[in-house]
């Protein structure tokens, strides 16, 4: 597994930004986004099913 790296850009005379780049971070964000979409889909499905059963 590769280690993540951090780079500091800027200095005393300007703003400083920190960027962290890593393939594992990208993969983690991908899984997190998929999990959020899955949970959102489950909630929408549950609400739809509940409202359908409520109507009769």
Protein backbone atom coordinates (compact mmCIF):
# COMPACT_ATOMS: atom_id res chain seq x y z
CA UNK A 1 0.00 0.00 0.00
CA UNK A 2 1.31 3.44 -0.87
CA UNK A 3 1.53 6.13 1.77
CA UNK A 4 -0.43 9.34 1.41
CA UNK A 5 1.56 12.49 0.85
CA UNK A 6 0.90 16.08 1.83
CA UNK A 7 2.18 19.21 0.11
CA UNK A 8 2.10 22.70 1.55
CA UNK A 9 1.76 25.48 -0.99
CA UNK A 10 2.14 29.13 -0.07
CA UNK A 11 4.28 31.00 2.36
CA UNK A 12 4.55 33.85 4.82
CA UNK A 13 3.57 36.38 2.18
CA UNK A 14 0.39 34.66 1.01
CA UNK A 15 -2.30 32.13 1.81
CA UNK A 16 -1.32 28.55 2.52
CA UNK A 17 -3.22 25.53 1.20
CA UNK A 18 -2.73 21.89 2.12
CA UNK A 19 -3.55 19.21 -0.40
CA UNK A 20 -3.59 15.51 0.49
CA UNK A 21 -3.47 13.11 -2.42
CA UNK A 22 -3.80 9.37 -2.16
CA UNK A 23 -5.40 6.56 -4.12
CA UNK A 24 -6.75 5.04 -0.91
CA UNK A 25 -8.44 8.34 -0.07
CA UNK A 26 -10.10 8.36 -3.49
CA UNK A 27 -11.27 4.79 -2.96
CA UNK A 28 -12.57 5.67 0.49
CA UNK A 29 -14.52 8.63 -0.90
CA UNK A 30 -15.94 6.40 -3.64
CA UNK A 31 -17.16 3.86 -1.09
CA UNK A 32 -18.56 6.62 1.12
CA UNK A 33 -20.47 8.13 -1.81
CA UNK A 34 -21.82 4.70 -2.75
CA UNK A 35 -22.93 4.10 0.84
CA UNK A 36 -24.70 7.48 0.99
CA UNK A 37 -26.50 6.76 -2.28
CA UNK A 38 -27.49 3.30 -1.07
CA UNK A 39 -28.91 4.65 2.19
CA UNK A 40 -30.71 7.48 0.36
CA UNK A 41 -32.22 4.97 -2.07
CA UNK A 42 -33.36 2.76 0.80
CA UNK A 43 -35.01 5.72 2.53
CA UNK A 44 -36.78 6.80 -0.67
CA UNK A 45 -37.95 3.23 -1.26
CA UNK A 46 -39.21 2.89 2.32
CA UNK A 47 -41.11 6.20 2.16
CA UNK A 48 -42.60 5.27 -1.22
CA UNK A 49 -43.66 1.83 0.02
CA UNK A 50 -45.10 3.29 3.23
CA UNK A 51 -47.13 5.91 1.34
CA UNK A 52 -48.35 3.29 -1.14
CA UNK A 53 -49.56 1.02 1.69
CA UNK A 54 -51.21 3.95 3.46
CA UNK A 55 -53.37 4.80 0.41
CA UNK A 56 -54.96 1.41 0.41
